[in-house]
């Protein structure tokens, strides 16, 4: 009531992926979220939850006068009056962004009737050395649903298993350390403590219970510093810059494959 949430008609949610667990929570306590999807090039919204008969797990119902199709490599492609005609004085980029008049979003998904689902960014999808395709964003969304895991970046391109760099919730970790008589003066030693390692192993296993074996994180490393815009590891909309993170933590990542 202090925030006045009970007075809201609806609450738009966009800009980053939301887990099914989070969507279920907000809707179950009566907060009418309208989870949606769109891009600058589409004048924002392409689809969003309707007020009724929404499907959790989707990114909503396609808006009137907007056309969506699934193209090659399961790419979400869009056409309509709200879609840009191109980039100003950038003919090459414009040509690459469209195919047969459809705007290429670079996002992967599926369309069931008028309900759209997004699975990952095309450029983020990677393939293990065993030939299995991995959607890192799906894994990251699942793991960050646990309060102990604030941020996570998943890796495994051309590797034989999936690994993760995890930025934990430091207040929760400190509380756990105190409750279990684990030293907290040297954080690196805390990270390596067997009880802390077991805690995160159990958290990861629980959050990935429904994933295929080849999608499950086999090794991880905890880091003290969060990913940030200032370090170049996040975009202005707080999305992971995976290549930058991989470069910044190259030694840790390589260590997980030894």
Protein backbone atom coordinates (compact mmCIF):
# COMPACT_ATOMS: atom_id res chain seq x y z
CA UNK A 1 0.00 0.00 0.00
CA UNK A 2 2.92 2.34 0.61
CA UNK A 3 3.86 1.98 -3.05
CA UNK A 4 0.26 2.29 -4.19
CA UNK A 5 0.38 -0.94 -6.16
CA UNK A 6 -3.29 -1.61 -5.43
CA UNK A 7 -4.15 1.50 -7.45
CA UNK A 8 -2.40 0.33 -10.62
CA UNK A 9 -4.51 -0.76 -13.59
CA UNK A 10 -1.62 -2.70 -15.12
CA UNK A 11 2.16 -2.85 -14.86
CA UNK A 12 4.20 -3.17 -18.10
CA UNK A 13 7.19 -5.52 -17.91
CA UNK A 14 9.76 -5.51 -20.72
CA UNK A 15 13.40 -4.89 -21.56
CA UNK A 16 14.67 -8.23 -20.27
CA UNK A 17 13.41 -11.78 -19.97
CA UNK A 18 11.30 -12.69 -16.94
CA UNK A 19 11.22 -16.19 -15.51
CA UNK A 20 7.98 -18.17 -15.35
CA UNK A 21 8.39 -18.30 -11.58
CA UNK A 22 8.47 -14.51 -11.34
CA UNK A 23 5.48 -14.10 -13.65
CA UNK A 24 3.50 -16.66 -11.68
CA UNK A 25 4.33 -14.93 -8.41
CA UNK A 26 3.24 -11.44 -9.49
CA UNK A 27 0.02 -12.67 -11.09
CA UNK A 28 -0.83 -14.93 -8.15
CA UNK A 29 -0.76 -12.00 -5.69
CA UNK A 30 -2.99 -9.91 -7.92
CA UNK A 31 -0.43 -7.63 -9.59
CA UNK A 32 -1.67 -7.27 -13.20
CA UNK A 33 1.59 -7.38 -15.11
CA UNK A 34 1.59 -7.00 -18.88
CA UNK A 35 4.74 -8.84 -19.89
CA UNK A 36 5.68 -7.95 -23.43
CA UNK A 37 8.25 -7.91 -26.18
CA UNK A 38 9.38 -5.36 -28.72
CA UNK A 39 12.32 -3.49 -30.22
CA UNK A 40 13.23 0.08 -31.08
CA UNK A 41 12.79 -0.84 -34.74
CA UNK A 42 9.20 -1.98 -34.10
CA UNK A 43 8.21 1.17 -32.18
CA UNK A 44 8.35 -0.89 -29.00
CA UNK A 45 5.57 -3.41 -28.41
CA UNK A 46 5.06 -6.36 -30.74
CA UNK A 47 3.15 -8.52 -28.28
CA UNK A 48 2.18 -8.62 -24.61
CA UNK A 49 0.04 -10.50 -22.12
CA UNK A 50 -3.68 -9.86 -22.60
CA UNK A 51 -5.66 -9.04 -19.46
CA UNK A 52 -7.22 -12.51 -19.57
CA UNK A 53 -6.24 -15.90 -20.98
CA UNK A 54 -2.52 -15.15 -20.95
CA UNK A 55 -0.02 -17.97 -21.27
CA UNK A 56 2.82 -18.02 -18.74
CA UNK A 57 6.00 -18.98 -20.53
CA UNK A 58 5.10 -16.92 -23.56
CA UNK A 59 5.88 -13.26 -24.28
CA UNK A 60 2.26 -12.54 -25.01
CA UNK A 61 -0.26 -12.17 -27.81
CA UNK A 62 0.67 -10.40 -31.04
CA UNK A 63 -0.89 -6.93 -31.26
CA UNK A 64 -3.44 -6.00 -33.95
CA UNK A 65 -1.93 -4.77 -37.26
CA UNK A 66 1.40 -6.45 -36.42
CA UNK A 67 2.42 -9.55 -38.36
CA UNK A 68 4.85 -12.11 -36.96
CA UNK A 69 6.35 -15.16 -38.60
CA UNK A 70 9.10 -17.63 -37.71
CA UNK A 71 11.85 -17.62 -40.32
CA UNK A 72 15.03 -19.52 -40.93
CA UNK A 73 16.81 -20.76 -37.80
CA UNK A 74 13.57 -20.11 -35.85
CA UNK A 75 14.13 -16.35 -36.07
CA UNK A 76 11.23 -14.09 -35.08
CA UNK A 77 10.46 -11.80 -38.04
CA UNK A 78 8.04 -8.87 -38.00
CA UNK A 79 6.09 -6.80 -40.49
CA UNK A 80 3.63 -3.95 -39.98
CA UNK A 81 3.01 -0.21 -39.92
CA UNK A 82 4.97 0.18 -36.68
CA UNK A 83 8.15 -1.35 -38.15
CA UNK A 84 10.88 1.02 -39.31
CA UNK A 85 11.56 1.33 -43.02
CA UNK A 86 15.29 1.23 -42.37
CA UNK A 87 18.28 2.83 -40.68
CA UNK A 88 19.01 6.46 -41.58
CA UNK A 89 21.76 6.69 -44.20
CA UNK A 90 22.84 3.09 -43.50
CA UNK A 91 21.75 1.13 -46.59
CA UNK A 92 23.94 -1.90 -45.89
CA UNK A 93 22.59 -2.38 -42.38
CA UNK A 94 19.05 -1.87 -43.67
CA UNK A 95 19.51 -4.53 -46.35
CA UNK A 96 20.83 -7.00 -43.77
CA UNK A 97 17.97 -6.29 -41.36
CA UNK A 98 15.17 -7.24 -43.77
CA UNK A 99 14.24 -10.32 -45.78
CA UNK A 100 11.33 -10.09 -48.23
CA UNK A 101 10.02 -7.05 -46.35
CA UNK A 102 10.15 -8.76 -42.93
CA UNK A 103 12.31 -7.27 -40.18
CA UNK A 104 14.80 -9.74 -38.74
CA UNK A 105 14.83 -9.40 -34.96
CA UNK A 106 17.81 -11.66 -34.27
CA UNK A 107 15.68 -13.38 -31.62
CA UNK A 108 14.68 -17.04 -31.76
CA UNK A 109 11.22 -18.25 -30.91
CA UNK A 110 8.05 -20.05 -31.87
CA UNK A 111 4.51 -18.93 -32.71
CA UNK A 112 1.42 -20.84 -31.59
CA UNK A 113 -1.62 -19.16 -33.07
CA UNK A 114 -1.18 -15.53 -32.01
CA UNK A 115 0.88 -16.40 -28.92
CA UNK A 116 4.61 -15.76 -29.27
CA UNK A 117 7.42 -17.45 -27.39
CA UNK A 118 11.04 -16.29 -27.31
CA UNK A 119 13.81 -18.79 -26.65
CA UNK A 120 17.09 -16.91 -27.12
CA UNK A 121 19.18 -14.54 -29.17
CA UNK A 122 20.48 -16.12 -32.37
CA UNK A 123 23.97 -14.78 -31.74
CA UNK A 124 23.98 -16.17 -28.18
CA UNK A 125 23.08 -19.75 -29.13
CA UNK A 126 26.10 -22.02 -28.92
CA UNK A 127 26.97 -25.59 -29.83
CA UNK A 128 28.89 -27.98 -27.62
CA UNK A 129 31.68 -30.19 -28.94
CA UNK A 130 29.15 -33.05 -28.72
CA UNK A 131 26.96 -31.33 -31.30
CA UNK A 132 24.23 -30.20 -28.88
CA UNK A 133 22.77 -26.71 -29.23
CA UNK A 134 22.48 -24.77 -25.99
CA UNK A 135 20.29 -21.75 -25.21
CA UNK A 136 22.31 -19.90 -22.54
CA UNK A 137 19.58 -17.38 -21.79
CA UNK A 138 17.13 -20.12 -20.81
CA UNK A 139 19.68 -21.49 -18.34
CA UNK A 140 20.50 -18.03 -16.98
CA UNK A 141 16.85 -17.13 -16.45
CA UNK A 142 16.28 -20.39 -14.58
CA UNK A 143 19.32 -19.98 -12.31
CA UNK A 144 18.68 -16.33 -11.40
CA UNK A 145 15.23 -17.29 -10.13
CA UNK A 146 17.11 -18.47 -7.02
CA UNK A 147 17.75 -15.55 -4.62
CA UNK A 148 21.31 -16.74 -3.94
CA UNK A 149 22.22 -16.20 -7.62
CA UNK A 150 22.08 -12.53 -8.59
CA UNK A 151 23.80 -12.80 -11.96
CA UNK A 152 25.12 -15.63 -14.07
CA UNK A 153 26.82 -16.03 -17.44
CA UNK A 154 26.84 -19.46 -19.08
CA UNK A 155 29.50 -20.81 -21.43
CA UNK A 156 30.16 -23.97 -23.42
CA UNK A 157 30.63 -23.12 -27.09
CA UNK A 158 32.73 -25.91 -28.67
CA UNK A 159 33.21 -27.44 -25.21
CA UNK A 160 32.00 -30.80 -23.96
CA UNK A 161 29.94 -29.42 -21.05
CA UNK A 162 28.34 -26.21 -19.77
CA UNK A 163 29.96 -23.95 -17.18
CA UNK A 164 28.89 -20.78 -15.38
CA UNK A 165 30.35 -17.64 -13.84
CA UNK A 166 28.10 -16.69 -10.93
CA UNK A 167 27.83 -13.43 -9.04
CA UNK A 168 26.10 -14.47 -5.80
CA UNK A 169 23.96 -12.44 -3.43
CA UNK A 170 26.63 -11.31 -1.00
CA UNK A 171 24.21 -10.54 1.89
CA UNK A 172 22.66 -14.01 1.65
CA UNK A 173 26.06 -15.64 1.33
CA UNK A 174 27.36 -13.74 4.36
CA UNK A 175 24.30 -14.85 6.36
CA UNK A 176 24.86 -18.48 5.31
CA UNK A 177 28.54 -18.24 6.26
CA UNK A 178 27.75 -16.91 9.74
CA UNK A 179 25.10 -19.56 10.34
CA UNK A 180 27.58 -22.29 9.39
CA UNK A 181 30.65 -20.83 11.14
CA UNK A 182 32.42 -20.18 7.85
CA UNK A 183 35.02 -17.42 7.77
CA UNK A 184 34.00 -14.38 5.73
CA UNK A 185 37.11 -12.20 6.03
CA UNK A 186 38.68 -13.61 2.86
CA UNK A 187 35.88 -13.96 0.37
CA UNK A 188 37.85 -16.17 -2.01
CA UNK A 189 38.30 -18.72 0.77
CA UNK A 190 34.57 -18.48 1.54
CA UNK A 191 33.78 -19.20 -2.11
CA UNK A 192 35.97 -22.32 -2.00
CA UNK A 193 34.51 -23.64 1.26
CA UNK A 194 32.98 -27.11 0.70
CA UNK A 195 29.69 -26.10 2.35
CA UNK A 196 29.36 -23.05 0.10
CA UNK A 197 30.22 -25.11 -2.96
CA UNK A 198 27.63 -27.71 -1.98
CA UNK A 199 25.03 -24.99 -1.39
CA UNK A 200 25.41 -23.64 -4.93
CA UNK A 201 25.60 -27.12 -6.45
CA UNK A 202 22.22 -27.87 -4.85
CA UNK A 203 20.77 -24.52 -5.97
CA UNK A 204 21.89 -25.11 -9.56
CA UNK A 205 20.57 -28.68 -9.58
CA UNK A 206 17.17 -27.57 -8.26
CA UNK A 207 16.81 -24.74 -10.77
CA UNK A 208 17.82 -27.04 -13.66
CA UNK A 209 15.79 -30.07 -12.64
CA UNK A 210 13.74 -29.95 -15.86
CA UNK A 211 16.68 -29.37 -18.21
CA UNK A 212 18.27 -32.01 -20.43
CA UNK A 213 21.50 -33.50 -19.13
CA UNK A 214 23.64 -31.75 -21.77
CA UNK A 215 22.14 -28.36 -20.75
CA UNK A 216 23.03 -28.68 -17.08
CA UNK A 217 25.88 -26.67 -15.58
CA UNK A 218 28.66 -29.09 -14.66
CA UNK A 219 31.11 -26.61 -13.13
CA UNK A 220 30.87 -23.04 -11.86
CA UNK A 221 32.95 -20.30 -10.29
CA UNK A 222 31.77 -17.60 -7.88
CA UNK A 223 32.94 -14.02 -8.33
CA UNK A 224 32.84 -11.11 -5.91
CA UNK A 225 32.19 -8.31 -8.40
CA UNK A 226 28.85 -8.00 -10.17
CA UNK A 227 28.64 -7.59 -13.93
CA UNK A 228 28.12 -3.90 -14.69
CA UNK A 229 27.68 -1.32 -17.44
CA UNK A 230 30.85 0.42 -16.24
CA UNK A 231 32.95 -2.71 -16.76
CA UNK A 232 31.47 -3.16 -20.23
CA UNK A 233 29.87 -6.47 -19.23
CA UNK A 234 26.27 -5.23 -19.47
CA UNK A 235 24.45 -3.22 -22.13
CA UNK A 236 22.54 -0.05 -21.25
CA UNK A 237 19.44 -2.26 -20.90
CA UNK A 238 21.32 -4.59 -18.53
CA UNK A 239 21.73 -7.48 -20.95
CA UNK A 240 24.88 -9.60 -20.74
CA UNK A 241 27.76 -8.88 -23.10
CA UNK A 242 28.89 -12.49 -23.17
CA UNK A 243 32.03 -11.90 -25.23
CA UNK A 244 33.28 -9.25 -22.80
CA UNK A 245 32.56 -11.43 -19.78
CA UNK A 246 34.31 -14.35 -21.45
CA UNK A 247 37.37 -12.18 -22.07
CA UNK A 248 37.39 -10.72 -18.54
CA UNK A 249 37.11 -14.13 -16.91
CA UNK A 250 39.06 -16.18 -19.46
CA UNK A 251 41.35 -17.70 -16.83
CA UNK A 252 38.46 -18.82 -14.61
CA UNK A 253 36.59 -20.28 -17.57
CA UNK A 254 39.63 -22.17 -18.82
CA UNK A 255 40.22 -23.54 -15.33
CA UNK A 256 36.76 -25.13 -15.38
CA UNK A 257 37.71 -27.16 -18.46
CA UNK A 258 40.92 -28.59 -17.04
